[in-house]
Amino acid sequence: MSGCGAVPFVVDAVLRTLLSASTTASNAGLALQGLIATFGSIDDSPDWDAVRRAPLPKVVESIKRAGLANMKGANIKAILNTVYERNVQEADKNSTDDPTEKVENIKVEEAQDIKGQSPMLRMKYVENMSDEEAMTELTSLPGIGVKTAACVLMFNMNRDVFAVDTHVFRMCQWLGWVPDIKGVTRDRAFSHLEVHVPNHLKYPLHVQMVMHGRECLRCRANTSPNTEGWDDFECPIDALVKRTGPMKGGSRSGGKNAKASNGRGTGSKSNGSGKSPAKGKRKRRQDSSDESEVEMEETEESEAQMDDVTDDEGGSSDQEEDSDEE
């Protein structure tokens, strides 16, 4: 319900992705339903023009279940206003110098589309851009980052773009597809992978990596060799990955648990002393909920977006966003 892939309206996709950032899929869905309940619906989406015209506190109250409601609400309003003003400018270019006629032309266009979202909130100008131009345009919107823009381009606009979310980033690092540079960011990884992953593989590979990163017990972010069931679980890419970075329970590949961490160990879990932990004492509950994983993994993007909001509040009436799962 809250994902961006199934909607044809670009702004709708952008705002749904924004709502899904730094929260669970269920909470994002509740926030979307909150907007619909408060402002009405058009084609199973909120009436975005009603949201644009509403006071900010009302918008914030309607999406509070998504978390970061103040930031997201301000960004939603800012994005809608930005797109609206851009379309007004486009309409000005195609009308006479008579301001009355300009206004009437806009009203007629809106009336012709009365059963759908307002044409003044459509981003048709983006649809005719190259991938690079569209990426620049989308990331110029208040708070929209590279990952969100890439997801919209790939899922909503059917472009050959390799979106790098938290799961894809982790998988590509473990596979050695990302330059081994200290402090490499997800955005830098996107720039590298975008030119190395063949176009025909970008969409299916993204989808498969997200699914694997969510569901594989050995490749989830909130797991480690200490996780219950680790030794009995077979990861199909164990021979290809080198699991690096902090893992649940404090284990890291490359250390004492490297062999088990990479899925090549056959014995019991190691506690670093060569002894097996006492039965039942070192067990870690496997968190089968994708929701807690999403909350863990969105920290980096949410912090960046909060910085964007701070900057916008300091010097502009427009604002930001964030986001993760499709």
C-alpha atoms as a PDB file:
ATOM      1  CA  MET A   1       0.000   0.000   0.000  1.00  0.00           C
ATOM      2  CA  SER A   2       2.790   2.412   0.839  1.00  0.00           C
ATOM      3  CA  GLY A   3       5.322   1.320  -1.787  1.00  0.00           C
ATOM      4  CA  CYS A   4       6.109   3.307  -4.900  1.00  0.00           C
ATOM      5  CA  GLY A   5       6.061   0.620  -7.575  1.00  0.00           C
ATOM      6  CA  ALA A   6       2.363   0.198  -8.309  1.00  0.00           C
ATOM      7  CA  VAL A   7       1.361   3.832  -8.879  1.00  0.00           C
ATOM      8  CA  PRO A   8       1.616   5.690 -12.219  1.00  0.00           C
ATOM      9  CA  PHE A   9       1.692   9.176 -10.688  1.00  0.00           C
ATOM     10  CA  VAL A  10       5.320  10.274 -10.113  1.00  0.00           C
ATOM     11  CA  VAL A  11       4.584  12.625  -7.208  1.00  0.00           C
ATOM     12  CA  ASP A  12       2.497   9.882  -5.608  1.00  0.00           C
ATOM     13  CA  ALA A  13       5.471   7.525  -5.870  1.00  0.00           C
ATOM     14  CA  VAL A  14       7.848  10.108  -4.397  1.00  0.00           C
ATOM     15  CA  LEU A  15       5.593  10.849  -1.439  1.00  0.00           C
ATOM     16  CA  ARG A  16       4.798   7.194  -0.725  1.00  0.00           C
ATOM     17  CA  THR A  17       8.517   6.468  -0.667  1.00  0.00           C
ATOM     18  CA  LEU A  18       9.055   9.432   1.633  1.00  0.00           C
ATOM     19  CA  LEU A  19       6.442   8.092   4.042  1.00  0.00           C
ATOM     20  CA  SER A  20       8.108   4.678   4.101  1.00  0.00           C
ATOM     21  CA  ALA A  21      11.472   6.066   5.149  1.00  0.00           C
ATOM     22  CA  SER A  22      12.837   5.189   8.584  1.00  0.00           C
ATOM     23  CA  THR A  23       9.779   3.214   9.583  1.00  0.00           C
ATOM     24  CA  THR A  24       8.095  -0.145   9.061  1.00  0.00           C
ATOM     25  CA  ALA A  25       5.952  -0.992   6.054  1.00  0.00           C
ATOM     26  CA  SER A  26       2.901  -1.334   8.298  1.00  0.00           C
ATOM     27  CA  ASN A  27       3.416   2.075   9.881  1.00  0.00           C
ATOM     28  CA  ALA A  28       3.929   3.685   6.474  1.00  0.00           C
ATOM     29  CA  GLY A  29       0.671   2.110   5.362  1.00  0.00           C
ATOM     30  CA  LEU A  30      -1.105   3.485   8.419  1.00  0.00           C
ATOM     31  CA  ALA A  31       0.256   6.950   7.670  1.00  0.00           C
ATOM     32  CA  LEU A  32      -0.995   6.736   4.102  1.00  0.00           C
ATOM     33  CA  GLN A  33      -4.415   5.674   5.373  1.00  0.00           C
ATOM     34  CA  GLY A  34      -4.295   8.598   7.794  1.00  0.00           C
ATOM     35  CA  LEU A  35      -3.854  10.997   4.872  1.00  0.00           C
ATOM     36  CA  ILE A  36      -6.719   9.369   2.989  1.00  0.00           C
ATOM     37  CA  ALA A  37      -9.002   9.483   6.024  1.00  0.00           C
ATOM     38  CA  THR A  38      -8.203  13.160   6.592  1.00  0.00           C
ATOM     39  CA  PHE A  39      -8.045  14.529   3.049  1.00  0.00           C
ATOM     40  CA  GLY A  40      -9.982  12.030   0.935  1.00  0.00           C
ATOM     41  CA  SER A  41      -8.744   9.672  -1.769  1.00  0.00           C
ATOM     42  CA  ILE A  42      -8.287   9.683  -5.527  1.00  0.00           C
ATOM     43  CA  ASP A  43      -7.525   6.363  -7.200  1.00  0.00           C
ATOM     44  CA  ASP A  44      -6.541   4.743  -3.873  1.00  0.00           C
ATOM     45  CA  SER A  45      -4.114   7.557  -3.042  1.00  0.00           C
ATOM     46  CA  PRO A  46      -4.542  10.649  -0.886  1.00  0.00           C
ATOM     47  CA  ASP A  47      -5.945  13.754  -2.557  1.00  0.00           C
ATOM     48  CA  TRP A  48      -2.529  15.368  -2.787  1.00  0.00           C
ATOM     49  CA  ASP A  49      -3.847  18.786  -3.771  1.00  0.00           C
ATOM     50  CA  ALA A  50      -5.990  18.816  -0.621  1.00  0.00           C
ATOM     51  CA  VAL A  51      -2.854  17.919   1.334  1.00  0.00           C
ATOM     52  CA  ARG A  52      -0.961  20.753  -0.363  1.00  0.00           C
ATOM     53  CA  ARG A  53      -3.602  23.301   0.612  1.00  0.00           C
ATOM     54  CA  ALA A  54      -3.993  22.056   4.184  1.00  0.00           C
ATOM     55  CA  PRO A  55      -2.259  23.609   7.213  1.00  0.00           C
ATOM     56  CA  LEU A  56       0.937  21.805   8.199  1.00  0.00           C
ATOM     57  CA  PRO A  57      -0.248  20.701  11.689  1.00  0.00           C
ATOM     58  CA  LYS A  58      -3.177  18.858  10.114  1.00  0.00           C
ATOM     59  CA  VAL A  59      -0.840  17.011   7.748  1.00  0.00           C
ATOM     60  CA  VAL A  60       1.558  16.147  10.567  1.00  0.00           C
ATOM     61  CA  GLU A  61      -1.254  14.788  12.735  1.00  0.00           C
ATOM     62  CA  SER A  62      -2.503  12.549   9.922  1.00  0.00           C
ATOM     63  CA  ILE A  63       0.888  10.852   9.370  1.00  0.00           C
ATOM     64  CA  LYS A  64       2.109  10.553  12.963  1.00  0.00           C
ATOM     65  CA  ARG A  65       2.146   6.747  12.765  1.00  0.00           C
ATOM     66  CA  ALA A  66       4.999   6.910  10.241  1.00  0.00           C
ATOM     67  CA  GLY A  67       7.411   8.510  12.696  1.00  0.00           C
ATOM     68  CA  LEU A  68       9.375  11.706  12.071  1.00  0.00           C
ATOM     69  CA  ALA A  69       5.979  13.245  11.345  1.00  0.00           C
ATOM     70  CA  ASN A  70       7.079  16.870  11.682  1.00  0.00           C
ATOM     71  CA  MET A  71       9.921  16.401   9.206  1.00  0.00           C
ATOM     72  CA  LYS A  72       7.947  14.276   6.769  1.00  0.00           C
ATOM     73  CA  GLY A  73       4.900  16.528   6.926  1.00  0.00           C
ATOM     74  CA  ALA A  74       6.971  19.613   6.149  1.00  0.00           C
ATOM     75  CA  ASN A  75       8.692  17.814   3.291  1.00  0.00           C
ATOM     76  CA  ILE A  76       5.423  16.569   1.821  1.00  0.00           C
ATOM     77  CA  LYS A  77       4.022  20.077   1.808  1.00  0.00           C
ATOM     78  CA  ALA A  78       7.228  21.521   0.369  1.00  0.00           C
ATOM     79  CA  ILE A  79       7.428  18.940  -2.418  1.00  0.00           C
ATOM     80  CA  LEU A  80       3.796  19.476  -3.402  1.00  0.00           C
ATOM     81  CA  ASN A  81       4.255  23.245  -3.445  1.00  0.00           C
ATOM     82  CA  THR A  82       7.480  22.950  -5.430  1.00  0.00           C
ATOM     83  CA  VAL A  83       5.867  20.769  -8.101  1.00  0.00           C
ATOM     84  CA  TYR A  84       2.771  22.987  -8.198  1.00  0.00           C
ATOM     85  CA  GLU A  85       4.854  26.126  -8.737  1.00  0.00           C
ATOM     86  CA  ARG A  86       6.898  24.389 -11.429  1.00  0.00           C
ATOM     87  CA  ASN A  87       3.707  23.502 -13.303  1.00  0.00           C
ATOM     88  CA  VAL A  88       2.404  27.046 -12.955  1.00  0.00           C
ATOM     89  CA  GLN A  89       5.628  28.229 -14.570  1.00  0.00           C
ATOM     90  CA  GLU A  90       5.212  25.676 -17.358  1.00  0.00           C
ATOM     91  CA  ALA A  91       1.645  26.846 -17.893  1.00  0.00           C
ATOM     92  CA  ASP A  92       2.842  30.441 -18.067  1.00  0.00           C
ATOM     93  CA  LYS A  93       5.185  29.556 -20.914  1.00  0.00           C
ATOM     94  CA  ASN A  94       2.337  28.113 -22.954  1.00  0.00           C
ATOM     95  CA  SER A  95      -0.263  30.831 -22.430  1.00  0.00           C
ATOM     96  CA  THR A  96      -0.777  34.449 -23.393  1.00  0.00           C
ATOM     97  CA  ASP A  97       0.406  37.487 -21.484  1.00  0.00           C
ATOM     98  CA  ASP A  98      -3.094  37.975 -20.123  1.00  0.00           C
ATOM     99  CA  PRO A  99      -2.885  36.897 -16.437  1.00  0.00           C
ATOM    100  CA  THR A 100      -6.651  36.297 -16.342  1.00  0.00           C
ATOM    101  CA  GLU A 101      -6.417  33.885 -19.267  1.00  0.00           C
ATOM    102  CA  LYS A 102      -3.480  32.098 -17.638  1.00  0.00           C
ATOM    103  CA  VAL A 103      -5.516  31.432 -14.516  1.00  0.00           C
ATOM    104  CA  GLU A 104      -8.510  30.314 -16.562  1.00  0.00           C
ATOM    105  CA  ASN A 105      -6.370  27.921 -18.584  1.00  0.00           C
ATOM    106  CA  ILE A 106      -5.116  26.319 -15.377  1.00  0.00           C
ATOM    107  CA  LYS A 107      -8.660  26.001 -14.035  1.00  0.00           C
ATOM    108  CA  VAL A 108      -9.858  24.409 -17.280  1.00  0.00           C
ATOM    109  CA  GLU A 109      -6.992  21.923 -17.230  1.00  0.00           C
ATOM    110  CA  GLU A 110      -7.766  20.993 -13.626  1.00  0.00           C
ATOM    111  CA  ALA A 111     -11.472  20.628 -14.429  1.00  0.00           C
ATOM    112  CA  GLN A 112     -10.702  18.295 -17.327  1.00  0.00           C
ATOM    113  CA  ASP A 113      -8.887  16.002 -14.889  1.00  0.00           C
ATOM    114  CA  ILE A 114     -11.346  16.363 -12.031  1.00  0.00           C
ATOM    115  CA  LYS A 115     -11.597  12.581 -11.531  1.00  0.00           C
ATOM    116  CA  GLY A 116      -7.849  12.224 -11.043  1.00  0.00           C
ATOM    117  CA  GLN A 117      -5.049  13.960  -9.233  1.00  0.00           C
ATOM    118  CA  SER A 118      -4.601  17.625 -10.101  1.00  0.00           C
ATOM    119  CA  PRO A 119      -2.562  18.040 -13.309  1.00  0.00           C
ATOM    120  CA  MET A 120      -0.761  20.852 -11.519  1.00  0.00           C
ATOM    121  CA  LEU A 121       0.891  18.190  -9.350  1.00  0.00           C
ATOM    122  CA  ARG A 122       2.035  15.984 -12.196  1.00  0.00           C
ATOM    123  CA  MET A 123       5.665  15.783 -13.170  1.00  0.00           C
ATOM    124  CA  LYS A 124       5.289  15.232 -16.896  1.00  0.00           C
ATOM    125  CA  TYR A 125       8.349  17.374 -17.421  1.00  0.00           C
ATOM    126  CA  VAL A 126      10.430  14.690 -15.677  1.00  0.00           C
ATOM    127  CA  GLU A 127       9.089  11.896 -17.885  1.00  0.00           C
ATOM    128  CA  ASN A 128      10.749  13.449 -20.937  1.00  0.00           C
ATOM    129  CA  MET A 129      14.152  13.816 -19.268  1.00  0.00           C
ATOM    130  CA  SER A 130      17.159  11.516 -19.516  1.00  0.00           C
ATOM    131  CA  ASP A 131      17.958   9.348 -16.503  1.00  0.00           C
ATOM    132  CA  GLU A 132      20.653  11.780 -15.376  1.00  0.00           C
ATOM    133  CA  GLU A 133      18.408  14.820 -15.809  1.00  0.00           C
ATOM    134  CA  ALA A 134      15.518  13.114 -14.022  1.00  0.00           C
ATOM    135  CA  MET A 135      17.809  12.128 -11.138  1.00  0.00           C
ATOM    136  CA  THR A 136      18.956  15.730 -10.796  1.00  0.00           C
ATOM    137  CA  GLU A 137      15.386  17.005 -10.897  1.00  0.00           C
ATOM    138  CA  LEU A 138      14.100  14.536  -8.307  1.00  0.00           C
ATOM    139  CA  THR A 139      16.993  15.060  -5.896  1.00  0.00           C
ATOM    140  CA  SER A 140      16.408  18.810  -6.118  1.00  0.00           C
ATOM    141  CA  LEU A 141      13.069  18.286  -4.367  1.00  0.00           C
ATOM    142  CA  PRO A 142      13.169  19.106  -0.644  1.00  0.00           C
ATOM    143  CA  GLY A 143      14.665  16.156   1.234  1.00  0.00           C
ATOM    144  CA  ILE A 144      14.714  13.650  -1.636  1.00  0.00           C
ATOM    145  CA  GLY A 145      17.959  11.712  -1.732  1.00  0.00           C
ATOM    146  CA  VAL A 146      19.653   9.551  -4.343  1.00  0.00           C
ATOM    147  CA  LYS A 147      18.135   6.289  -3.134  1.00  0.00           C
ATOM    148  CA  THR A 148      14.567   7.567  -3.164  1.00  0.00           C
ATOM    149  CA  ALA A 149      15.029   9.150  -6.584  1.00  0.00           C
ATOM    150  CA  ALA A 150      16.553   5.945  -7.962  1.00  0.00           C
ATOM    151  CA  CYS A 151      13.661   3.860  -6.613  1.00  0.00           C
ATOM    152  CA  VAL A 152      11.123   6.174  -8.262  1.00  0.00           C
ATOM    153  CA  LEU A 153      13.012   6.061 -11.565  1.00  0.00           C
ATOM    154  CA  MET A 154      13.316   2.276 -11.484  1.00  0.00           C
ATOM    155  CA  PHE A 155       9.921   1.202 -10.135  1.00  0.00           C
ATOM    156  CA  ASN A 156       7.646   4.022 -11.210  1.00  0.00           C
ATOM    157  CA  MET A 157       9.215   5.271 -14.449  1.00  0.00           C
ATOM    158  CA  ASN A 158      10.606   1.912 -15.627  1.00  0.00           C
ATOM    159  CA  ARG A 159      14.123   3.295 -16.112  1.00  0.00           C
ATOM    160  CA  ASP A 160      17.258   1.149 -16.120  1.00  0.00           C
ATOM    161  CA  VAL A 161      18.582   2.415 -12.789  1.00  0.00           C
ATOM    162  CA  PHE A 162      20.205   0.304 -10.072  1.00  0.00           C
ATOM    163  CA  ALA A 163      18.714   1.629  -6.846  1.00  0.00           C
ATOM    164  CA  VAL A 164      20.977   0.956  -3.843  1.00  0.00           C
ATOM    165  CA  ASP A 165      18.998   0.580  -0.645  1.00  0.00           C
ATOM    166  CA  THR A 166      20.364  -0.704   2.648  1.00  0.00           C
ATOM    167  CA  HIS A 167      20.074  -4.381   1.631  1.00  0.00           C
ATOM    168  CA  VAL A 168      21.658  -3.897  -1.793  1.00  0.00           C
ATOM    169  CA  PHE A 169      24.477  -1.867  -0.259  1.00  0.00           C
ATOM    170  CA  ARG A 170      25.228  -4.590   2.276  1.00  0.00           C
ATOM    171  CA  MET A 171      25.107  -7.387  -0.308  1.00  0.00           C
ATOM    172  CA  CYS A 172      27.347  -5.514  -2.747  1.00  0.00           C
ATOM    173  CA  GLN A 173      29.894  -4.765  -0.032  1.00  0.00           C
ATOM    174  CA  TRP A 174      30.017  -8.414   0.995  1.00  0.00           C
ATOM    175  CA  LEU A 175      30.353  -9.498  -2.635  1.00  0.00           C
ATOM    176  CA  GLY A 176      33.251  -7.102  -3.144  1.00  0.00           C
ATOM    177  CA  TRP A 177      31.394  -5.070  -5.766  1.00  0.00           C
ATOM    178  CA  VAL A 178      31.897  -1.781  -3.931  1.00  0.00           C
ATOM    179  CA  PRO A 179      35.343  -0.120  -3.790  1.00  0.00           C
ATOM    180  CA  ASP A 180      37.038  -0.969  -0.503  1.00  0.00           C
ATOM    181  CA  ILE A 181      37.324   2.638   0.604  1.00  0.00           C
ATOM    182  CA  LYS A 182      37.043   3.660   4.231  1.00  0.00           C
ATOM    183  CA  GLY A 183      33.776   5.438   4.835  1.00  0.00           C
ATOM    184  CA  VAL A 184      32.292   4.591   1.431  1.00  0.00           C
ATOM    185  CA  THR A 185      28.691   5.766   1.373  1.00  0.00           C
ATOM    186  CA  ARG A 186      25.608   4.295  -0.204  1.00  0.00           C
ATOM    187  CA  ASP A 187      25.439   7.191  -2.672  1.00  0.00           C
ATOM    188  CA  ARG A 188      29.031   6.590  -3.773  1.00  0.00           C
ATOM    189  CA  ALA A 189      28.237   2.914  -4.149  1.00  0.00           C
ATOM    190  CA  PHE A 190      25.274   3.850  -6.358  1.00  0.00           C
ATOM    191  CA  SER A 191      27.502   5.940  -8.645  1.00  0.00           C
ATOM    192  CA  HIS A 192      29.945   3.024  -8.969  1.00  0.00           C
ATOM    193  CA  LEU A 193      27.368   0.277  -9.460  1.00  0.00           C
ATOM    194  CA  GLU A 194      25.229   2.307 -11.848  1.00  0.00           C
ATOM    195  CA  VAL A 195      27.949   2.123 -14.496  1.00  0.00           C
ATOM    196  CA  HIS A 196      29.032  -1.468 -13.788  1.00  0.00           C
ATOM    197  CA  VAL A 197      25.737  -3.367 -13.511  1.00  0.00           C
ATOM    198  CA  PRO A 198      24.314  -4.153 -16.995  1.00  0.00           C
ATOM    199  CA  ASN A 199      21.039  -2.375 -17.689  1.00  0.00           C
ATOM    200  CA  HIS A 200      19.069  -5.572 -18.239  1.00  0.00           C
ATOM    201  CA  LEU A 201      20.086  -6.830 -14.774  1.00  0.00           C
ATOM    202  CA  LYS A 202      19.461  -3.678 -12.739  1.00  0.00           C
ATOM    203  CA  TYR A 203      15.811  -4.258 -11.879  1.00  0.00           C
ATOM    204  CA  PRO A 204      15.864  -8.042 -11.252  1.00  0.00           C
ATOM    205  CA  LEU A 205      19.161  -7.870  -9.367  1.00  0.00           C
ATOM    206  CA  HIS A 206      17.863  -5.108  -7.097  1.00  0.00           C
ATOM    207  CA  VAL A 207      14.708  -7.071  -6.325  1.00  0.00           C
ATOM    208  CA  GLN A 208      16.605 -10.296  -5.628  1.00  0.00           C
ATOM    209  CA  MET A 209      19.132  -8.569  -3.373  1.00  0.00           C
ATOM    210  CA  VAL A 210      16.402  -6.880  -1.351  1.00  0.00           C
ATOM    211  CA  MET A 211      14.567 -10.172  -0.911  1.00  0.00           C
ATOM    212  CA  HIS A 212      17.737 -12.030   0.031  1.00  0.00           C
ATOM    213  CA  GLY A 213      18.893  -9.302   2.403  1.00  0.00           C
ATOM    214  CA  ARG A 214      15.559  -9.415   4.203  1.00  0.00           C
ATOM    215  CA  GLU A 215      15.002 -13.164   4.316  1.00  0.00           C
ATOM    216  CA  CYS A 216      18.374 -14.941   4.473  1.00  0.00           C
ATOM    217  CA  LEU A 217      19.191 -15.714   8.105  1.00  0.00           C
ATOM    218  CA  ARG A 218      22.908 -15.299   7.450  1.00  0.00           C
ATOM    219  CA  CYS A 219      22.629 -12.100   5.401  1.00  0.00           C
ATOM    220  CA  ARG A 220      20.129 -10.065   7.392  1.00  0.00           C
ATOM    221  CA  ALA A 221      21.500  -7.006   9.137  1.00  0.00           C
ATOM    222  CA  ASN A 222      20.268  -8.151  12.559  1.00  0.00           C
ATOM    223  CA  THR A 223      21.942 -11.551  12.623  1.00  0.00           C
ATOM    224  CA  SER A 224      25.301 -13.172  13.404  1.00  0.00           C
ATOM    225  CA  PRO A 225      26.888 -16.583  14.040  1.00  0.00           C
ATOM    226  CA  ASN A 226      25.299 -16.345  17.501  1.00  0.00           C
ATOM    227  CA  THR A 227      21.799 -16.350  16.003  1.00  0.00           C
ATOM    228  CA  GLU A 228      19.735 -19.433  16.681  1.00  0.00           C
ATOM    229  CA  GLY A 229      19.659 -21.667  13.606  1.00  0.00           C
ATOM    230  CA  TRP A 230      22.785 -20.152  12.009  1.00  0.00           C
ATOM    231  CA  ASP A 231      24.653 -23.468  11.733  1.00  0.00           C
ATOM    232  CA  ASP A 232      21.698 -25.249  10.158  1.00  0.00           C
ATOM    233  CA  PHE A 233      20.883 -22.544   7.619  1.00  0.00           C
ATOM    234  CA  GLU A 234      22.269 -22.781   4.086  1.00  0.00           C
ATOM    235  CA  CYS A 235      22.875 -19.467   2.346  1.00  0.00           C
ATOM    236  CA  PRO A 236      23.068 -19.947  -1.448  1.00  0.00           C
ATOM    237  CA  ILE A 237      25.791 -17.296  -1.799  1.00  0.00           C
ATOM    238  CA  ASP A 238      27.955 -18.296   1.164  1.00  0.00           C
ATOM    239  CA  ALA A 239      30.879 -19.138  -1.110  1.00  0.00           C
ATOM    240  CA  LEU A 240      30.720 -15.700  -2.715  1.00  0.00           C
ATOM    241  CA  VAL A 241      30.389 -13.337   0.217  1.00  0.00           C
ATOM    242  CA  LYS A 242      32.767 -12.065   2.837  1.00  0.00           C
ATOM    243  CA  ARG A 243      30.612 -10.729   5.628  1.00  0.00           C
ATOM    244  CA  THR A 244      32.215  -7.608   7.042  1.00  0.00           C
ATOM    245  CA  GLY A 245      31.233  -4.957   9.521  1.00  0.00           C
ATOM    246  CA  PRO A 246      29.462  -5.198  12.875  1.00  0.00           C
ATOM    247  CA  MET A 247      26.897  -7.942  13.286  1.00  0.00           C
ATOM    248  CA  LYS A 248      24.380  -8.784  15.966  1.00  0.00           C
ATOM    249  CA  GLY A 249      26.186 -10.081  19.052  1.00  0.00           C
ATOM    250  CA  GLY A 250      29.349  -8.154  18.208  1.00  0.00           C
ATOM    251  CA  SER A 251      30.819 -10.667  15.746  1.00  0.00           C
ATOM    252  CA  ARG A 252      32.749  -9.542  12.688  1.00  0.00           C
ATOM    253  CA  SER A 253      34.005 -11.499   9.748  1.00  0.00           C
ATOM    254  CA  GLY A 254      37.766 -11.434   9.663  1.00  0.00           C
ATOM    255  CA  GLY A 255      37.974 -12.070  13.408  1.00  0.00           C
ATOM    256  CA  LYS A 256      37.655 -15.195  15.497  1.00  0.00           C
ATOM    257  CA  ASN A 257      34.233 -15.927  14.076  1.00  0.00           C
ATOM    258  CA  ALA A 258      35.221 -15.290  10.467  1.00  0.00           C
ATOM    259  CA  LYS A 259      34.852 -18.893   9.399  1.00  0.00           C
ATOM    260  CA  ALA A 260      31.390 -19.261  10.864  1.00  0.00           C
ATOM    261  CA  SER A 261      30.405 -15.779   9.756  1.00  0.00           C
ATOM    262  CA  ASN A 262      31.072 -16.624   6.131  1.00  0.00           C
ATOM    263  CA  GLY A 263      29.003 -19.743   6.403  1.00  0.00           C
ATOM    264  CA  ARG A 264      31.883 -22.167   5.938  1.00  0.00           C
ATOM    265  CA  GLY A 265      32.047 -23.537   9.477  1.00  0.00           C
ATOM    266  CA  THR A 266      30.482 -26.859  10.334  1.00  0.00           C
ATOM    267  CA  GLY A 267      30.877 -27.005  14.083  1.00  0.00           C
ATOM    268  CA  SER A 268      28.972 -25.418  16.901  1.00  0.00           C
ATOM    269  CA  LYS A 269      28.962 -21.672  17.476  1.00  0.00           C
ATOM    270  CA  SER A 270      32.215 -20.270  18.799  1.00  0.00           C
ATOM    271  CA  ASN A 271      32.438 -17.897  21.728  1.00  0.00           C
ATOM    272  CA  GLY A 272      36.027 -16.898  20.913  1.00  0.00           C
ATOM    273  CA  SER A 273      37.590 -19.300  23.443  1.00  0.00           C
ATOM    274  CA  GLY A 274      37.280 -22.473  21.398  1.00  0.00           C
ATOM    275  CA  LYS A 275      34.463 -23.717  23.621  1.00  0.00           C
ATOM    276  CA  SER A 276      30.846 -24.051  22.716  1.00  0.00           C
ATOM    277  CA  PRO A 277      28.550 -21.792  24.723  1.00  0.00           C
ATOM    278  CA  ALA A 278      26.428 -23.395  27.414  1.00  0.00           C
ATOM    279  CA  LYS A 279      23.230 -24.656  25.910  1.00  0.00           C
ATOM    280  CA  GLY A 280      20.541 -22.026  26.108  1.00  0.00           C
ATOM    281  CA  LYS A 281      22.778 -19.299  27.578  1.00  0.00           C
ATOM    282  CA  ARG A 282      24.253 -17.786  24.409  1.00  0.00           C
ATOM    283  CA  LYS A 283      21.214 -18.174  22.218  1.00  0.00           C
ATOM    284  CA  ARG A 284      20.000 -15.057  20.485  1.00  0.00           C
ATOM    285  CA  ARG A 285      16.419 -14.849  19.416  1.00  0.00           C
ATOM    286  CA  GLN A 286      16.074 -14.703  15.658  1.00  0.00           C
ATOM    287  CA  ASP A 287      14.014 -11.640  14.908  1.00  0.00           C
ATOM    288  CA  SER A 288      11.675 -12.807  12.199  1.00  0.00           C
ATOM    289  CA  SER A 289      10.211  -9.360  11.801  1.00  0.00           C
ATOM    290  CA  ASP A 290      11.403  -7.356   8.793  1.00  0.00           C
ATOM    291  CA  GLU A 291       9.998  -4.322  10.561  1.00  0.00           C
ATOM    292  CA  SER A 292      12.655  -4.162  13.284  1.00  0.00           C
ATOM    293  CA  GLU A 293      15.320  -4.668  10.640  1.00  0.00           C
ATOM    294  CA  VAL A 294      14.079  -1.737   8.618  1.00  0.00           C
ATOM    295  CA  GLU A 295      14.114   0.460  11.720  1.00  0.00           C
ATOM    296  CA  MET A 296      17.729  -0.533  12.420  1.00  0.00           C
ATOM    297  CA  GLU A 297      18.933   0.054   8.889  1.00  0.00           C
ATOM    298  CA  GLU A 298      17.384   3.414   8.067  1.00  0.00           C
ATOM    299  CA  THR A 299      19.427   5.396  10.621  1.00  0.00           C
ATOM    300  CA  GLU A 300      21.964   6.726   8.131  1.00  0.00           C
ATOM    301  CA  GLU A 301      19.403   8.026   5.673  1.00  0.00           C
ATOM    302  CA  SER A 302      17.137   9.487   8.313  1.00  0.00           C
ATOM    303  CA  GLU A 303      20.026  11.458   9.818  1.00  0.00           C
ATOM    304  CA  ALA A 304      20.936  12.866   6.412  1.00  0.00           C
ATOM    305  CA  GLN A 305      17.375  13.877   5.807  1.00  0.00           C
ATOM    306  CA  MET A 306      17.057  15.501   9.189  1.00  0.00           C
ATOM    307  CA  ASP A 307      20.092  17.587   8.238  1.00  0.00           C
ATOM    308  CA  ASP A 308      18.278  18.559   5.040  1.00  0.00           C
ATOM    309  CA  VAL A 309      15.238  19.645   7.008  1.00  0.00           C
ATOM    310  CA  THR A 310      17.371  21.753   9.342  1.00  0.00           C
ATOM    311  CA  ASP A 311      18.966  23.498   6.383  1.00  0.00           C
ATOM    312  CA  ASP A 312      15.613  24.120   4.720  1.00  0.00           C
ATOM    313  CA  GLU A 313      14.058  25.516   7.860  1.00  0.00           C
ATOM    314  CA  GLY A 314      16.982  27.871   8.215  1.00  0.00           C
ATOM    315  CA  GLY A 315      16.781  29.406   4.758  1.00  0.00           C
ATOM    316  CA  SER A 316      13.736  28.358   2.779  1.00  0.00           C
ATOM    317  CA  SER A 317      10.060  27.652   2.986  1.00  0.00           C
ATOM    318  CA  ASP A 318      10.603  24.373   1.174  1.00  0.00           C
ATOM    319  CA  GLN A 319      11.673  21.142   2.799  1.00  0.00           C
ATOM    320  CA  GLU A 320      12.888  17.514   2.631  1.00  0.00           C
ATOM    321  CA  GLU A 321      12.438  13.751   2.757  1.00  0.00           C
ATOM    322  CA  ASP A 322      14.060  10.406   3.358  1.00  0.00           C
ATOM    323  CA  SER A 323      13.055   6.781   2.702  1.00  0.00           C
ATOM    324  CA  ASP A 324      13.726   3.076   2.214  1.00  0.00           C
ATOM    325  CA  GLU A 325      11.926  -0.066   1.223  1.00  0.00           C
ATOM    326  CA  GLU A 326      10.022  -0.268  -2.028  1.00  0.00           C
END
